[in-house]
Amino acid sequence: MNAPAHDGGRLALMLNELRLPTIGRLWPEFAERSDKEGWPATRLLGALLEHELAERAKRRIERHRTESQMDPTKTLASFDFSAVPMVSKAHITALATGESWLEKGATVLLFGPPGVGKSHLGSAIGHALIDAGYRVLFTRTSELVQKLQAARQSLQLPSALARLDRFDLIILDDLSYARKDQAETSVLFELIAERYERKSLLITANQPFSGWNAVFPDPGMTVAAIDRLVHHSTIFELNVESYRRRKAGDKQNARRRQLNDDNPFSTQLPEDGNVTQ
């Protein structure tokens, strides 16, 4: 029995109905090549399906990157590892693959003063994990606390926490800025407890653990939160000069050099700020 013939318009409609837009776009070109080169049917079908799957993976990564709310410029490629020599690039690269730490709900903790690149490094890990097929959410800790507190007030906290389960990793940026006198941050503890040993967290903080009493409602909750976070954790301490302060100093020195170069007969302004004659 002869196979039924289908014209291009009918094929396009069926492919659209099946939600196969890449095959719909490529099949005329591939069919022409197949006719000219005598491809077996399996080769033609396989080539079209490979392109469809690749495009789906690309679109999925793009959706996940958009929903992550991360700055698209803060990647591993743009991170200056030379500015934080205490952080191993090899170690960060290993974490960025996901490996087994996401499977066991482990935690990454980034400590350091403002401006040293904690948020950038966290985002860089997040972007790499999205490329590896994981789902990531980046959020200011104080903003998430406000949303969870609103959910609690409307008796929707369990469902709000359940919705966050779709993310393999949540990046809580600037935990130290979430203050118990600004919002009832016990919801933050509930998030930590809910994800413990199931789903991963990456936390950036300006303050060491000793300063976390300002975040949680009582010392017992602080101890319990820290205990859960450090149980399966990787900790990095970025104790270097602020990147923003260093860049500002570099710009100021560059302006001084430019002034000196433009007027060599004027009083010289060295980079230390002292005037020399």
Protein backbone atom coordinates (compact mmCIF):
# COMPACT_ATOMS: atom_id res chain seq x y z
CA MET A 1 0.00 0.00 0.00
CA ASN A 2 1.33 3.40 -0.98
CA ALA A 3 1.98 5.93 1.79
CA PRO A 4 -0.36 8.94 1.67
CA ALA A 5 1.11 12.04 0.08
CA HIS A 6 1.11 15.32 1.98
CA ASP A 7 1.71 18.74 0.52
CA GLY A 8 3.91 21.32 2.27
CA GLY A 9 0.99 23.25 3.69
CA ARG A 10 -0.54 20.17 5.28
CA LEU A 11 2.81 19.15 6.77
CA ALA A 12 3.31 22.65 8.20
CA LEU A 13 -0.10 22.49 9.89
CA MET A 14 0.61 19.08 11.42
CA LEU A 15 4.04 20.12 12.66
CA ASN A 16 2.54 23.24 14.20
CA GLU A 17 -0.15 21.15 15.89
CA LEU A 18 2.55 18.84 17.28
CA ARG A 19 4.56 21.87 18.45
CA LEU A 20 7.62 21.04 16.34
CA PRO A 21 8.57 24.51 15.04
CA THR A 22 12.22 23.70 14.33
CA ILE A 23 11.33 20.72 12.15
CA GLY A 24 8.68 22.88 10.50
CA ARG A 25 11.35 25.42 9.62
CA LEU A 26 14.05 22.99 8.52
CA TRP A 27 12.31 20.07 6.85
CA PRO A 28 12.12 21.54 3.29
CA GLU A 29 15.91 22.11 3.21
CA PHE A 30 16.66 18.72 4.76
CA ALA A 31 14.19 16.93 2.49
CA GLU A 32 15.82 18.49 -0.56
CA ARG A 33 19.26 17.36 0.59
CA SER A 34 17.87 13.92 1.38
CA ASP A 35 16.44 13.58 -2.15
CA LYS A 36 19.69 14.72 -3.78
CA GLU A 37 22.04 12.64 -1.63
CA GLY A 38 19.85 9.59 -1.19
CA TRP A 39 19.66 9.65 2.62
CA PRO A 40 17.94 6.73 4.35
CA ALA A 41 14.69 7.75 6.02
CA THR A 42 16.22 7.18 9.46
CA ARG A 43 19.00 9.70 8.73
CA LEU A 44 16.52 12.37 7.63
CA LEU A 45 14.25 11.80 10.62
CA GLY A 46 17.17 11.64 13.05
CA ALA A 47 18.72 14.88 11.77
CA LEU A 48 15.42 16.76 12.08
CA LEU A 49 14.75 15.41 15.58
CA GLU A 50 18.27 16.31 16.78
CA HIS A 51 17.77 19.92 15.70
CA GLU A 52 14.34 20.05 17.33
CA LEU A 53 15.71 18.76 20.63
CA ALA A 54 18.68 21.16 20.51
CA GLU A 55 16.39 24.14 19.93
CA ARG A 56 14.09 23.04 22.75
CA ALA A 57 17.05 22.82 25.12
CA LYS A 58 18.19 26.28 24.04
CA ARG A 59 14.73 27.79 24.60
CA ARG A 60 14.44 26.06 27.97
CA ILE A 61 17.78 27.50 29.10
CA GLU A 62 16.68 30.96 27.93
CA ARG A 63 13.44 30.67 29.93
CA HIS A 64 15.30 29.49 33.01
CA ARG A 65 17.81 32.31 32.70
CA THR A 66 15.01 34.87 32.50
CA GLU A 67 13.14 33.45 35.49
CA SER A 68 16.36 33.34 37.55
CA GLN A 69 16.42 37.18 37.73
CA MET A 70 20.23 37.16 37.54
CA ASP A 71 22.32 39.90 35.96
CA PRO A 72 23.30 38.40 32.56
CA THR A 73 26.73 40.06 32.71
CA LYS A 74 27.80 38.41 35.99
CA THR A 75 29.28 35.16 34.70
CA LEU A 76 32.37 33.10 35.41
CA ALA A 77 33.99 34.57 32.30
CA SER A 78 33.63 38.12 33.65
CA PHE A 79 34.66 37.33 37.25
CA ASP A 80 38.16 38.49 38.23
CA PHE A 81 39.60 35.58 40.20
CA SER A 82 42.92 37.41 40.55
CA ALA A 83 41.18 39.92 42.85
CA VAL A 84 40.23 37.16 45.32
CA PRO A 85 43.26 34.84 45.43
CA MET A 86 41.82 32.92 48.37
CA VAL A 87 39.05 31.57 46.11
CA SER A 88 40.05 28.58 43.97
CA LYS A 89 38.88 28.92 40.39
CA ALA A 90 39.04 25.13 40.03
CA HIS A 91 36.82 24.70 43.08
CA ILE A 92 34.26 27.21 41.78
CA THR A 93 34.32 25.57 38.34
CA ALA A 94 33.60 22.20 39.95
CA LEU A 95 30.67 23.66 41.91
CA ALA A 96 29.35 25.24 38.72
CA THR A 97 28.79 21.79 37.18
CA GLY A 98 26.29 20.90 39.91
CA GLU A 99 28.05 17.62 40.63
CA SER A 100 26.50 15.92 43.65
CA TRP A 101 26.05 18.94 45.93
CA LEU A 102 22.72 19.91 44.44
CA GLU A 103 21.50 16.33 44.69
CA LYS A 104 22.01 16.27 48.46
CA GLY A 105 20.71 19.80 49.06
CA ALA A 106 24.08 21.20 50.14
CA THR A 107 24.79 24.88 50.78
CA VAL A 108 27.38 27.37 49.51
CA LEU A 109 28.17 30.32 51.80
CA LEU A 110 30.04 33.41 50.58
CA PHE A 111 31.26 35.78 53.29
CA GLY A 112 33.04 39.09 52.90
CA PRO A 113 32.67 42.87 53.17
CA PRO A 114 30.57 44.83 50.66
CA GLY A 115 31.95 45.21 47.17
CA VAL A 116 34.28 42.19 46.99
CA GLY A 117 32.28 40.25 44.36
CA LYS A 118 30.10 37.91 46.41
CA SER A 119 26.96 38.61 44.38
CA HIS A 120 28.90 38.33 41.13
CA LEU A 121 30.39 35.00 42.14
CA GLY A 122 27.02 33.66 43.25
CA SER A 123 25.43 34.72 39.97
CA ALA A 124 28.31 33.22 38.00
CA ILE A 125 27.73 29.85 39.64
CA GLY A 126 24.01 30.22 38.98
CA HIS A 127 24.49 30.96 35.28
CA ALA A 128 26.74 27.94 34.85
CA LEU A 129 24.21 25.71 36.60
CA ILE A 130 21.46 26.94 34.27
CA ASP A 131 23.68 26.03 31.33
CA ALA A 132 24.01 22.58 32.90
CA GLY A 133 20.22 22.19 32.98
CA TYR A 134 19.34 23.28 36.53
CA ARG A 135 16.81 25.89 37.64
CA VAL A 136 18.05 28.79 39.74
CA LEU A 137 16.47 31.78 41.48
CA PHE A 138 18.49 34.84 42.51
CA THR A 139 16.83 37.14 45.04
CA ARG A 140 17.65 39.74 47.65
CA THR A 141 17.05 38.04 50.97
CA SER A 142 15.03 40.97 52.30
CA GLU A 143 12.72 40.88 49.25
CA LEU A 144 12.06 37.17 49.59
CA VAL A 145 11.43 37.57 53.32
CA GLN A 146 8.80 40.22 52.57
CA LYS A 147 7.07 37.94 50.05
CA LEU A 148 7.09 34.97 52.41
CA GLN A 149 5.83 37.11 55.26
CA ALA A 150 2.95 38.31 53.08
CA ALA A 151 2.21 34.66 52.22
CA ARG A 152 2.16 33.79 55.91
CA GLN A 153 -0.28 36.61 56.67
CA SER A 154 -2.62 35.29 53.98
CA LEU A 155 -2.18 31.71 55.25
CA GLN A 156 -0.36 30.74 52.03
CA LEU A 157 3.16 30.13 53.36
CA PRO A 158 3.20 26.32 52.80
CA SER A 159 2.17 26.74 49.16
CA ALA A 160 4.67 29.58 48.66
CA LEU A 161 7.48 27.38 49.99
CA ALA A 162 6.28 24.51 47.79
CA ARG A 163 6.44 26.73 44.69
CA LEU A 164 10.08 27.50 45.48
CA ASP A 165 10.81 23.78 45.33
CA ARG A 166 10.94 23.97 41.54
CA PHE A 167 14.32 25.68 41.87
CA ASP A 168 17.33 23.42 42.34
CA LEU A 169 19.18 26.39 43.82
CA ILE A 170 18.01 29.60 45.48
CA ILE A 171 20.63 32.33 45.80
CA LEU A 172 19.88 34.48 48.86
CA ASP A 173 21.87 37.66 48.32
CA ASP A 174 22.81 40.01 51.18
CA LEU A 175 21.40 37.95 54.03
CA SER A 176 22.91 40.39 56.53
CA TYR A 177 20.55 43.13 55.31
CA ALA A 178 17.46 41.16 56.36
CA ARG A 179 16.71 42.50 59.84
CA LYS A 180 14.30 41.10 62.38
CA ASP A 181 13.10 44.61 63.22
CA GLN A 182 12.12 45.20 59.56
CA ALA A 183 10.15 41.99 59.03
CA GLU A 184 9.36 38.80 60.88
CA THR A 185 12.32 36.83 59.54
CA SER A 186 11.22 33.57 61.11
CA VAL A 187 9.91 32.83 57.60
CA LEU A 188 13.55 32.79 56.50
CA PHE A 189 14.24 30.04 59.00
CA GLU A 190 11.25 28.12 57.66
CA LEU A 191 12.68 28.35 54.15
CA ILE A 192 16.06 27.06 55.38
CA ALA A 193 14.42 24.25 57.34
CA GLU A 194 12.13 23.33 54.42
CA ARG A 195 15.01 22.99 51.97
CA TYR A 196 17.42 21.32 54.41
CA GLU A 197 19.02 18.23 52.80
CA ARG A 198 16.53 18.43 49.90
CA LYS A 199 17.17 21.59 47.88
CA SER A 200 20.24 23.80 47.82
CA LEU A 201 20.87 27.37 48.92
CA LEU A 202 23.69 29.76 48.09
CA ILE A 203 23.95 32.62 50.58
CA THR A 204 26.01 35.80 50.47
CA ALA A 205 26.53 37.73 53.71
CA ASN A 206 28.57 40.71 54.88
CA GLN A 207 28.53 39.51 58.48
CA PRO A 208 30.00 36.30 59.91
CA PHE A 209 27.75 33.89 61.80
CA SER A 210 28.34 35.86 65.00
CA GLY A 211 26.36 38.75 63.52
CA TRP A 212 23.33 36.70 62.48
CA ASN A 213 21.49 37.32 65.74
CA ALA A 214 20.37 40.57 64.11
CA VAL A 215 18.54 38.55 61.43
CA PHE A 216 16.54 35.90 63.27
CA PRO A 217 13.97 36.56 66.02
CA ASP A 218 15.82 34.72 68.78
CA PRO A 219 19.26 33.17 69.45
CA GLY A 220 17.89 29.62 69.40
CA MET A 221 16.57 30.09 65.88
CA THR A 222 19.90 31.60 64.82
CA VAL A 223 21.79 28.55 66.09
CA ALA A 224 19.32 26.16 64.45
CA ALA A 225 19.56 27.97 61.10
CA ILE A 226 23.37 28.01 61.14
CA ASP A 227 23.47 24.34 62.16
CA ARG A 228 21.41 23.35 59.12
CA LEU A 229 23.35 25.55 56.73
CA VAL A 230 26.82 24.37 57.72
CA HIS A 231 25.95 20.65 57.90
CA HIS A 232 26.57 20.15 54.16
CA SER A 233 28.31 23.34 53.14
CA THR A 234 31.14 24.90 51.21
CA ILE A 235 32.30 28.20 52.70
CA PHE A 236 34.30 30.91 50.94
CA GLU A 237 35.63 34.00 52.69
CA LEU A 238 36.37 36.88 50.33
CA ASN A 239 38.39 39.06 52.70
CA VAL A 240 39.85 41.55 50.23
CA GLU A 241 39.51 45.25 49.48
CA SER A 242 36.20 46.33 48.00
CA TYR A 243 36.22 46.00 44.22
CA ARG A 244 34.15 49.17 43.90
CA ARG A 245 36.53 51.11 46.16
CA ARG A 246 39.51 49.79 44.24
CA LYS A 247 38.00 50.77 40.89
CA ALA A 248 37.18 54.25 42.21
CA GLY A 249 40.80 54.63 43.36
CA ASP A 250 42.08 53.47 39.97
CA LYS A 251 39.91 56.05 38.21
CA GLN A 252 41.09 58.80 40.55
CA ASN A 253 44.73 57.90 39.93
CA ALA A 254 44.11 57.79 36.18
CA ARG A 255 42.65 61.31 36.31
CA ARG A 256 45.71 62.52 38.22
CA ARG A 257 48.03 61.00 35.64
CA GLN A 258 46.02 62.57 32.82
CA LEU A 259 46.24 66.00 34.43
CA ASN A 260 50.00 65.62 34.82
CA ASP A 261 50.41 64.45 31.22
CA ASP A 262 48.30 67.31 29.85
CA ASN A 263 50.34 69.98 31.68
CA PRO A 264 53.93 68.82 32.34
CA PHE A 265 54.94 72.27 33.69
CA SER A 266 52.34 72.26 36.46
CA THR A 267 52.81 71.02 40.00
CA GLN A 268 52.85 67.24 39.85
CA LEU A 269 50.14 65.31 41.67
CA PRO A 270 51.44 61.88 42.62
CA GLU A 271 49.09 58.95 43.25
CA ASP A 272 49.54 59.17 47.00
CA GLY A 273 47.94 62.64 46.96
CA ASN A 274 51.03 64.50 48.23
CA VAL A 275 52.19 67.53 46.23
CA THR A 276 55.77 67.54 44.93
CA GLN A 277 57.60 70.43 43.36
